[in-house]
Amino acid sequence: VKVQAPVIFTTAFEDYALKAFQNQGYAYLLKPYD
């Protein structure tokens, strides 16, 4: 599906940051975040 809205990714893994930016990612939060 074509995602129109901004996405904030939340994950415990750092490895997916670049992939997140390529898929409508506007921010990348590493768990646990404050």
PDB file of all heavy atoms in Angstrom:
ATOM      1  N   VAL A   1       0.857  -1.196   0.000  1.00  0.00           N
ATOM      2  CA  VAL A   1       0.000   0.000   0.000  1.00  0.00           C
ATOM      3  C   VAL A   1       0.888   1.239   0.000  1.00  0.00           C
ATOM      4  O   VAL A   1       1.988   1.227   0.556  1.00  0.00           O
ATOM      5  CB  VAL A   1      -0.934  -0.009   1.234  1.00  0.00           C
ATOM      6  CG1 VAL A   1      -0.139   0.015   2.525  1.00  0.00           C
ATOM      7  CG2 VAL A   1      -1.918   1.153   1.191  1.00  0.00           C
ATOM      8  N   LYS A   2       0.423   2.301  -0.632  1.00  0.00           N
ATOM      9  CA  LYS A   2       1.161   3.567  -0.631  1.00  0.00           C
ATOM     10  C   LYS A   2       0.858   4.298   0.668  1.00  0.00           C
ATOM     11  O   LYS A   2      -0.280   4.694   0.924  1.00  0.00           O
ATOM     12  CB  LYS A   2       0.768   4.426  -1.830  1.00  0.00           C
ATOM     13  CG  LYS A   2       1.569   5.717  -1.943  1.00  0.00           C
ATOM     14  CD  LYS A   2       1.258   6.440  -3.226  1.00  0.00           C
ATOM     15  CE  LYS A   2       2.039   7.742  -3.326  1.00  0.00           C
ATOM     16  NZ  LYS A   2       3.506   7.524  -3.277  1.00  0.00           N
ATOM     17  N   VAL A   3       1.865   4.476   1.470  1.00  0.00           N
ATOM     18  CA  VAL A   3       1.705   5.134   2.769  1.00  0.00           C
ATOM     19  C   VAL A   3       1.945   6.629   2.596  1.00  0.00           C
ATOM     20  O   VAL A   3       3.021   7.043   2.155  1.00  0.00           O
ATOM     21  CB  VAL A   3       2.686   4.553   3.808  1.00  0.00           C
ATOM     22  CG1 VAL A   3       2.538   5.270   5.150  1.00  0.00           C
ATOM     23  CG2 VAL A   3       2.438   3.055   3.982  1.00  0.00           C
ATOM     24  N   GLN A   4       0.946   7.426   2.937  1.00  0.00           N
ATOM     25  CA  GLN A   4       1.026   8.874   2.754  1.00  0.00           C
ATOM     26  C   GLN A   4       1.484   9.589   4.019  1.00  0.00           C
ATOM     27  O   GLN A   4       2.136  10.636   3.950  1.00  0.00           O
ATOM     28  CB  GLN A   4      -0.342   9.426   2.334  1.00  0.00           C
ATOM     29  CG  GLN A   4      -0.912   8.806   1.074  1.00  0.00           C
ATOM     30  CD  GLN A   4      -0.250   9.338  -0.188  1.00  0.00           C
ATOM     31  OE1 GLN A   4       0.647  10.161  -0.138  1.00  0.00           O
ATOM     32  NE2 GLN A   4      -0.704   8.859  -1.338  1.00  0.00           N
ATOM     33  N   ALA A   5       1.143   9.056   5.179  1.00  0.00           N
ATOM     34  CA  ALA A   5       1.410   9.755   6.431  1.00  0.00           C
ATOM     35  C   ALA A   5       2.866   9.581   6.873  1.00  0.00           C
ATOM     36  O   ALA A   5       3.510   8.580   6.542  1.00  0.00           O
ATOM     37  CB  ALA A   5       0.478   9.219   7.523  1.00  0.00           C
ATOM     38  N   PRO A   6       3.406  10.538   7.620  1.00  0.00           N
ATOM     39  CA  PRO A   6       4.740  10.376   8.192  1.00  0.00           C
ATOM     40  C   PRO A   6       4.788   9.182   9.133  1.00  0.00           C
ATOM     41  O   PRO A   6       3.806   8.880   9.825  1.00  0.00           O
ATOM     42  CB  PRO A   6       4.962  11.682   8.953  1.00  0.00           C
ATOM     43  CG  PRO A   6       3.996  12.652   8.369  1.00  0.00           C
ATOM     44  CD  PRO A   6       2.810  11.842   7.953  1.00  0.00           C
ATOM     45  N   VAL A   7       5.926   8.503   9.154  1.00  0.00           N
ATOM     46  CA  VAL A   7       6.097   7.316  10.002  1.00  0.00           C
ATOM     47  C   VAL A   7       7.242   7.551  10.978  1.00  0.00           C
ATOM     48  O   VAL A   7       8.325   7.995  10.576  1.00  0.00           O
ATOM     49  CB  VAL A   7       6.391   6.059   9.166  1.00  0.00           C
ATOM     50  CG1 VAL A   7       6.597   4.844  10.076  1.00  0.00           C
ATOM     51  CG2 VAL A   7       5.254   5.796   8.178  1.00  0.00           C
ATOM     52  N   ILE A   8       6.993   7.261  12.241  1.00  0.00           N
ATOM     53  CA  ILE A   8       8.048   7.221  13.251  1.00  0.00           C
ATOM     54  C   ILE A   8       8.286   5.757  13.575  1.00  0.00           C
ATOM     55  O   ILE A   8       7.389   5.072  14.082  1.00  0.00           O
ATOM     56  CB  ILE A   8       7.652   7.998  14.515  1.00  0.00           C
ATOM     57  CG1 ILE A   8       7.469   9.487  14.189  1.00  0.00           C
ATOM     58  CG2 ILE A   8       8.708   7.818  15.608  1.00  0.00           C
ATOM     59  CD1 ILE A   8       6.977  10.311  15.361  1.00  0.00           C
ATOM     60  N   PHE A   9       9.463   5.265  13.259  1.00  0.00           N
ATOM     61  CA  PHE A   9       9.784   3.863  13.522  1.00  0.00           C
ATOM     62  C   PHE A   9      10.273   3.703  14.954  1.00  0.00           C
ATOM     63  O   PHE A   9      11.045   4.525  15.465  1.00  0.00           O
ATOM     64  CB  PHE A   9      10.840   3.364  12.539  1.00  0.00           C
ATOM     65  CG  PHE A   9      10.301   3.089  11.167  1.00  0.00           C
ATOM     66  CD1 PHE A   9      10.331   4.069  10.188  1.00  0.00           C
ATOM     67  CD2 PHE A   9       9.753   1.850  10.851  1.00  0.00           C
ATOM     68  CE1 PHE A   9       9.831   3.824   8.912  1.00  0.00           C
ATOM     69  CE2 PHE A   9       9.245   1.598   9.583  1.00  0.00           C
ATOM     70  CZ  PHE A   9       9.285   2.583   8.613  1.00  0.00           C
ATOM     71  N   THR A  10       9.820   2.628  15.601  1.00  0.00           N
ATOM     72  CA  THR A  10      10.242   2.320  16.967  1.00  0.00           C
ATOM     73  C   THR A  10      10.759   0.886  16.982  1.00  0.00           C
ATOM     74  O   THR A  10      10.067  -0.034  16.534  1.00  0.00           O
ATOM     75  CB  THR A  10       9.065   2.453  17.953  1.00  0.00           C
ATOM     76  OG1 THR A  10       8.018   1.542  17.580  1.00  0.00           O
ATOM     77  CG2 THR A  10       8.511   3.871  17.951  1.00  0.00           C
ATOM     78  N   THR A  11      11.959   0.692  17.467  1.00  0.00           N
ATOM     79  CA  THR A  11      12.552  -0.633  17.436  1.00  0.00           C
ATOM     80  C   THR A  11      13.686  -0.731  18.440  1.00  0.00           C
ATOM     81  O   THR A  11      14.200   0.288  18.911  1.00  0.00           O
ATOM     82  CB  THR A  11      13.088  -0.962  16.030  1.00  0.00           C
ATOM     83  OG1 THR A  11      13.694  -2.258  16.027  1.00  0.00           O
ATOM     84  CG2 THR A  11      14.117   0.070  15.599  1.00  0.00           C
ATOM     85  N   ALA A  12      14.075  -1.956  18.768  1.00  0.00           N
ATOM     86  CA  ALA A  12      15.214  -2.185  19.653  1.00  0.00           C
ATOM     87  C   ALA A  12      16.498  -2.393  18.859  1.00  0.00           C
ATOM     88  O   ALA A  12      17.551  -2.641  19.444  1.00  0.00           O
ATOM     89  CB  ALA A  12      14.944  -3.397  20.549  1.00  0.00           C
ATOM     90  N   PHE A  13      16.409  -2.288  17.528  1.00  0.00           N
ATOM     91  CA  PHE A  13      17.551  -2.614  16.675  1.00  0.00           C
ATOM     92  C   PHE A  13      17.988  -1.394  15.856  1.00  0.00           C
ATOM     93  O   PHE A  13      17.163  -0.716  15.255  1.00  0.00           O
ATOM     94  CB  PHE A  13      17.193  -3.762  15.729  1.00  0.00           C
ATOM     95  CG  PHE A  13      16.709  -4.998  16.444  1.00  0.00           C
ATOM     96  CD1 PHE A  13      15.351  -5.219  16.618  1.00  0.00           C
ATOM     97  CD2 PHE A  13      17.610  -5.912  16.958  1.00  0.00           C
ATOM     98  CE1 PHE A  13      14.896  -6.342  17.281  1.00  0.00           C
ATOM     99  CE2 PHE A  13      17.165  -7.046  17.616  1.00  0.00           C
ATOM    100  CZ  PHE A  13      15.811  -7.263  17.793  1.00  0.00           C
ATOM    101  N   GLU A  14      19.297  -1.140  15.820  1.00  0.00           N
ATOM    102  CA  GLU A  14      19.835  -0.021  15.066  1.00  0.00           C
ATOM    103  C   GLU A  14      19.966  -0.325  13.576  1.00  0.00           C
ATOM    104  O   GLU A  14      20.071   0.581  12.757  1.00  0.00           O
ATOM    105  CB  GLU A  14      21.216   0.369  15.609  1.00  0.00           C
ATOM    106  CG  GLU A  14      21.200   0.836  17.054  1.00  0.00           C
ATOM    107  CD  GLU A  14      22.581   1.244  17.532  1.00  0.00           C
ATOM    108  OE1 GLU A  14      23.525   1.180  16.707  1.00  0.00           O
ATOM    109  OE2 GLU A  14      22.720   1.622  18.704  1.00  0.00           O
ATOM    110  N   ASP A  15      19.968  -1.612  13.216  1.00  0.00           N
ATOM    111  CA  ASP A  15      20.333  -2.026  11.863  1.00  0.00           C
ATOM    112  C   ASP A  15      19.364  -1.575  10.778  1.00  0.00           C
ATOM    113  O   ASP A  15      19.706  -1.601   9.595  1.00  0.00           O
ATOM    114  CB  ASP A  15      20.442  -3.560  11.795  1.00  0.00           C
ATOM    115  CG  ASP A  15      21.456  -4.101  12.791  1.00  0.00           C
ATOM    116  OD1 ASP A  15      22.259  -3.299  13.292  1.00  0.00           O
ATOM    117  OD2 ASP A  15      21.443  -5.308  13.051  1.00  0.00           O
ATOM    118  N   TYR A  16      18.148  -1.187  11.155  1.00  0.00           N
ATOM    119  CA  TYR A  16      17.127  -0.890  10.150  1.00  0.00           C
ATOM    120  C   TYR A  16      16.976   0.602   9.842  1.00  0.00           C
ATOM    121  O   TYR A  16      16.052   0.989   9.129  1.00  0.00           O
ATOM    122  CB  TYR A  16      15.774  -1.438  10.613  1.00  0.00           C
ATOM    123  CG  TYR A  16      15.742  -2.930  10.813  1.00  0.00           C
ATOM    124  CD1 TYR A  16      15.677  -3.477  12.091  1.00  0.00           C
ATOM    125  CD2 TYR A  16      15.777  -3.802   9.725  1.00  0.00           C
ATOM    126  CE1 TYR A  16      15.641  -4.856  12.279  1.00  0.00           C
ATOM    127  CE2 TYR A  16      15.745  -5.169   9.902  1.00  0.00           C
ATOM    128  CZ  TYR A  16      15.676  -5.695  11.185  1.00  0.00           C
ATOM    129  OH  TYR A  16      15.640  -7.049  11.358  1.00  0.00           O
ATOM    130  N   ALA A  17      17.867   1.447  10.371  1.00  0.00           N
ATOM    131  CA  ALA A  17      17.696   2.894  10.239  1.00  0.00           C
ATOM    132  C   ALA A  17      17.622   3.339   8.780  1.00  0.00           C
ATOM    133  O   ALA A  17      16.706   4.067   8.392  1.00  0.00           O
ATOM    134  CB  ALA A  17      18.817   3.622  10.967  1.00  0.00           C
ATOM    135  N   LEU A  18      18.572   2.915   7.962  1.00  0.00           N
ATOM    136  CA  LEU A  18      18.583   3.345   6.565  1.00  0.00           C
ATOM    137  C   LEU A  18      17.339   2.864   5.834  1.00  0.00           C
ATOM    138  O   LEU A  18      16.722   3.611   5.063  1.00  0.00           O
ATOM    139  CB  LEU A  18      19.835   2.828   5.862  1.00  0.00           C
ATOM    140  CG  LEU A  18      19.983   3.249   4.394  1.00  0.00           C
ATOM    141  CD1 LEU A  18      19.967   4.763   4.260  1.00  0.00           C
ATOM    142  CD2 LEU A  18      21.263   2.681   3.795  1.00  0.00           C
ATOM    143  N   LYS A  19      16.940   1.624   6.075  1.00  0.00           N
ATOM    144  CA  LYS A  19      15.733   1.087   5.454  1.00  0.00           C
ATOM    145  C   LYS A  19      14.507   1.899   5.881  1.00  0.00           C
ATOM    146  O   LYS A  19      13.600   2.154   5.072  1.00  0.00           O
ATOM    147  CB  LYS A  19      15.557  -0.381   5.857  1.00  0.00           C
ATOM    148  CG  LYS A  19      14.410  -1.104   5.166  1.00  0.00           C
ATOM    149  CD  LYS A  19      14.737  -1.458   3.741  1.00  0.00           C
ATOM    150  CE  LYS A  19      13.673  -2.367   3.142  1.00  0.00           C
ATOM    151  NZ  LYS A  19      13.918  -2.656   1.717  1.00  0.00           N
ATOM    152  N   ALA A  20      14.487   2.322   7.127  1.00  0.00           N
ATOM    153  CA  ALA A  20      13.367   3.124   7.624  1.00  0.00           C
ATOM    154  C   ALA A  20      13.287   4.453   6.894  1.00  0.00           C
ATOM    155  O   ALA A  20      12.213   4.911   6.504  1.00  0.00           O
ATOM    156  CB  ALA A  20      13.518   3.350   9.127  1.00  0.00           C
ATOM    157  N   PHE A  21      14.442   5.095   6.671  1.00  0.00           N
ATOM    158  CA  PHE A  21      14.459   6.380   5.987  1.00  0.00           C
ATOM    159  C   PHE A  21      13.970   6.254   4.553  1.00  0.00           C
ATOM    160  O   PHE A  21      13.423   7.191   3.982  1.00  0.00           O
ATOM    161  CB  PHE A  21      15.873   6.955   5.989  1.00  0.00           C
ATOM    162  CG  PHE A  21      16.440   7.146   7.363  1.00  0.00           C
ATOM    163  CD1 PHE A  21      17.802   7.058   7.574  1.00  0.00           C
ATOM    164  CD2 PHE A  21      15.616   7.412   8.444  1.00  0.00           C
ATOM    165  CE1 PHE A  21      18.335   7.233   8.841  1.00  0.00           C
ATOM    166  CE2 PHE A  21      16.134   7.584   9.713  1.00  0.00           C
ATOM    167  CZ  PHE A  21      17.494   7.499   9.901  1.00  0.00           C
ATOM    168  N   GLN A  22      14.140   5.083   3.968  1.00  0.00           N
ATOM    169  CA  GLN A  22      13.725   4.853   2.590  1.00  0.00           C
ATOM    170  C   GLN A  22      12.239   4.510   2.481  1.00  0.00           C
ATOM    171  O   GLN A  22      11.712   4.380   1.387  1.00  0.00           O
ATOM    172  CB  GLN A  22      14.562   3.727   1.975  1.00  0.00           C
ATOM    173  CG  GLN A  22      16.041   4.072   1.849  1.00  0.00           C
ATOM    174  CD  GLN A  22      16.894   2.891   1.440  1.00  0.00           C
ATOM    175  OE1 GLN A  22      16.489   1.735   1.573  1.00  0.00           O
ATOM    176  NE2 GLN A  22      18.084   3.160   0.936  1.00  0.00           N
ATOM    177  N   ASN A  23      11.594   4.355   3.630  1.00  0.00           N
ATOM    178  CA  ASN A  23      10.179   3.971   3.644  1.00  0.00           C
ATOM    179  C   ASN A  23       9.367   4.928   4.511  1.00  0.00           C
ATOM    180  O   ASN A  23       8.787   4.541   5.524  1.00  0.00           O
ATOM    181  CB  ASN A  23      10.015   2.534   4.148  1.00  0.00           C
ATOM    182  CG  ASN A  23      10.484   1.511   3.135  1.00  0.00           C
ATOM    183  OD1 ASN A  23       9.750   1.130   2.226  1.00  0.00           O
ATOM    184  ND2 ASN A  23      11.725   1.061   3.285  1.00  0.00           N
ATOM    185  N   GLN A  24       9.334   6.190   4.087  1.00  0.00           N
ATOM    186  CA  GLN A  24       8.466   7.196   4.698  1.00  0.00           C
ATOM    187  C   GLN A  24       8.835   7.493   6.148  1.00  0.00           C
ATOM    188  O   GLN A  24       8.050   8.077   6.888  1.00  0.00           O
ATOM    189  CB  GLN A  24       6.990   6.740   4.615  1.00  0.00           C
ATOM    190  CG  GLN A  24       5.930   7.819   4.802  1.00  0.00           C
ATOM    191  CD  GLN A  24       5.958   8.875   3.704  1.00  0.00           C
ATOM    192  OE1 GLN A  24       6.663   8.739   2.719  1.00  0.00           O
ATOM    193  NE2 GLN A  24       5.193   9.937   3.883  1.00  0.00           N
ATOM    194  N   GLY A  25      10.044   7.081   6.565  1.00  0.00           N
ATOM    195  CA  GLY A  25      10.459   7.327   7.937  1.00  0.00           C
ATOM    196  C   GLY A  25      10.867   8.771   8.163  1.00  0.00           C
ATOM    197  O   GLY A  25      11.668   9.321   7.418  1.00  0.00           O
ATOM    198  N   TYR A  26      10.318   9.389   9.190  1.00  0.00           N
ATOM    199  CA  TYR A  26      10.659  10.756   9.546  1.00  0.00           C
ATOM    200  C   TYR A  26      11.476  10.800  10.831  1.00  0.00           C
ATOM    201  O   TYR A  26      12.118  11.806  11.119  1.00  0.00           O
ATOM    202  CB  TYR A  26       9.395  11.591   9.723  1.00  0.00           C
ATOM    203  CG  TYR A  26       8.776  12.041   8.424  1.00  0.00           C
ATOM    204  CD1 TYR A  26       8.280  11.116   7.501  1.00  0.00           C
ATOM    205  CD2 TYR A  26       8.679  13.379   8.099  1.00  0.00           C
ATOM    206  CE1 TYR A  26       7.711  11.520   6.303  1.00  0.00           C
ATOM    207  CE2 TYR A  26       8.107  13.806   6.911  1.00  0.00           C
ATOM    208  CZ  TYR A  26       7.629  12.861   6.016  1.00  0.00           C
ATOM    209  OH  TYR A  26       7.073  13.266   4.836  1.00  0.00           O
ATOM    210  N   ALA A  27      11.432   9.743  11.616  1.00  0.00           N
ATOM    211  CA  ALA A  27      12.221   9.650  12.847  1.00  0.00           C
ATOM    212  C   ALA A  27      12.395   8.171  13.181  1.00  0.00           C
ATOM    213  O   ALA A  27      11.624   7.316  12.740  1.00  0.00           O
ATOM    214  CB  ALA A  27      11.540  10.391  13.990  1.00  0.00           C
ATOM    215  N   TYR A  28      13.434   7.892  13.981  1.00  0.00           N
ATOM    216  CA  TYR A  28      13.791   6.510  14.306  1.00  0.00           C
ATOM    217  C   TYR A  28      14.099   6.454  15.796  1.00  0.00           C
ATOM    218  O   TYR A  28      15.117   6.992  16.254  1.00  0.00           O
ATOM    219  CB  TYR A  28      15.012   6.104  13.480  1.00  0.00           C
ATOM    220  CG  TYR A  28      15.326   4.634  13.445  1.00  0.00           C
ATOM    221  CD1 TYR A  28      14.674   3.785  12.564  1.00  0.00           C
ATOM    222  CD2 TYR A  28      16.305   4.085  14.270  1.00  0.00           C
ATOM    223  CE1 TYR A  28      14.968   2.443  12.499  1.00  0.00           C
ATOM    224  CE2 TYR A  28      16.614   2.736  14.222  1.00  0.00           C
ATOM    225  CZ  TYR A  28      15.950   1.924  13.332  1.00  0.00           C
ATOM    226  OH  TYR A  28      16.255   0.577  13.271  1.00  0.00           O
ATOM    227  N   LEU A  29      13.207   5.838  16.567  1.00  0.00           N
ATOM    228  CA  LEU A  29      13.358   5.770  18.015  1.00  0.00           C
ATOM    229  C   LEU A  29      13.827   4.382  18.435  1.00  0.00           C
ATOM    230  O   LEU A  29      13.211   3.379  18.070  1.00  0.00           O
ATOM    231  CB  LEU A  29      12.031   6.084  18.706  1.00  0.00           C
ATOM    232  CG  LEU A  29      11.515   7.518  18.571  1.00  0.00           C
ATOM    233  CD1 LEU A  29      10.142   7.634  19.224  1.00  0.00           C
ATOM    234  CD2 LEU A  29      12.483   8.500  19.201  1.00  0.00           C
ATOM    235  N   LEU A  30      14.894   4.353  19.200  1.00  0.00           N
ATOM    236  CA  LEU A  30      15.395   3.081  19.722  1.00  0.00           C
ATOM    237  C   LEU A  30      14.777   2.815  21.087  1.00  0.00           C
ATOM    238  O   LEU A  30      14.845   3.661  21.989  1.00  0.00           O
ATOM    239  CB  LEU A  30      16.923   3.116  19.835  1.00  0.00           C
ATOM    240  CG  LEU A  30      17.699   2.990  18.526  1.00  0.00           C
ATOM    241  CD1 LEU A  30      19.189   3.180  18.775  1.00  0.00           C
ATOM    242  CD2 LEU A  30      17.449   1.627  17.885  1.00  0.00           C
ATOM    243  N   LYS A  31      14.162   1.654  21.243  1.00  0.00           N
ATOM    244  CA  LYS A  31      13.593   1.280  22.536  1.00  0.00           C
ATOM    245  C   LYS A  31      14.720   0.933  23.511  1.00  0.00           C
ATOM    246  O   LYS A  31      15.704   0.297  23.112  1.00  0.00           O
ATOM    247  CB  LYS A  31      12.675   0.061  22.375  1.00  0.00           C
ATOM    248  CG  LYS A  31      11.477   0.274  21.467  1.00  0.00           C
ATOM    249  CD  LYS A  31      10.720  -1.042  21.312  1.00  0.00           C
ATOM    250  CE  LYS A  31       9.538  -0.913  20.368  1.00  0.00           C
ATOM    251  NZ  LYS A  31       8.842  -2.202  20.172  1.00  0.00           N
ATOM    252  N   PRO A  32      14.575   1.287  24.778  1.00  0.00           N
ATOM    253  CA  PRO A  32      13.494   2.111  25.347  1.00  0.00           C
ATOM    254  C   PRO A  32      13.808   3.586  25.164  1.00  0.00           C
ATOM    255  O   PRO A  32      14.918   4.027  25.405  1.00  0.00           O
ATOM    256  CB  PRO A  32      13.521   1.722  26.823  1.00  0.00           C
ATOM    257  CG  PRO A  32      14.953   1.375  27.083  1.00  0.00           C
ATOM    258  CD  PRO A  32      15.491   0.773  25.808  1.00  0.00           C
ATOM    259  N   TYR A  33      12.846   4.363  24.719  1.00  0.00           N
ATOM    260  CA  TYR A  33      13.030   5.790  24.515  1.00  0.00           C
ATOM    261  C   TYR A  33      12.260   6.539  25.596  1.00  0.00           C
ATOM    262  O   TYR A  33      11.290   6.039  26.165  1.00  0.00           O
ATOM    263  CB  TYR A  33      12.546   6.211  23.127  1.00  0.00           C
ATOM    264  CG  TYR A  33      11.174   5.706  22.767  1.00  0.00           C
ATOM    265  CD1 TYR A  33      10.031   6.395  23.158  1.00  0.00           C
ATOM    266  CD2 TYR A  33      11.019   4.519  22.043  1.00  0.00           C
ATOM    267  CE1 TYR A  33       8.770   5.929  22.838  1.00  0.00           C
ATOM    268  CE2 TYR A  33       9.757   4.044  21.720  1.00  0.00           C
ATOM    269  CZ  TYR A  33       8.644   4.749  22.117  1.00  0.00           C
ATOM    270  OH  TYR A  33       7.397   4.286  21.805  1.00  0.00           O
ATOM    271  N   ASP A  34      12.706   7.741  25.902  1.00  0.00           N
ATOM    272  CA  ASP A  34      12.054   8.525  26.955  1.00  0.00           C
ATOM    273  C   ASP A  34      11.139   9.598  26.362  1.00  0.00           C
ATOM    274  O   ASP A  34      11.025   9.728  25.143  1.00  0.00           O
ATOM    275  CB  ASP A  34      13.090   9.142  27.907  1.00  0.00           C
ATOM    276  CG  ASP A  34      14.085  10.045  27.183  1.00  0.00           C
ATOM    277  OD1 ASP A  34      13.723  10.601  26.123  1.00  0.00           O
ATOM    278  OD2 ASP A  34      15.220  10.196  27.674  1.00  0.00           O
TER     279      ASP A  34
END
